[in-house]
Amino acid sequence: MIALITLAVAVAADPTSIETLMANSHWKRARVAAEAAYKANANDARANYWMARVRQEFGNLDEAVKYAEAAVKLDPKSSAY
């Protein structure tokens, strides 16, 4: 458990790592990192975007929409969100 928390903190500190985890389909690790990033700053558009992508990947579409809408509201100029 401590190893996962350490991984989440390290990955959350480097945003490209979360993107890399997602790009390589490491969704369980991406989920841990995205949740850590979101808990660190719930008003971060990128963290909300990551949460939306993770929730979508795990089939939790209602939550995915909630996070995606928050990401767009926080950063309406990002086409990815």
Foldseek 3Di string as FASTA:
>chain_A
DVVLQVLLVVCLVPVVSLVVCVVVVVLVSNCSNLVVNCVVPVQALVSLQSNLVSCVVVVNNVSSVVSNVSSCVSPVVDPSD
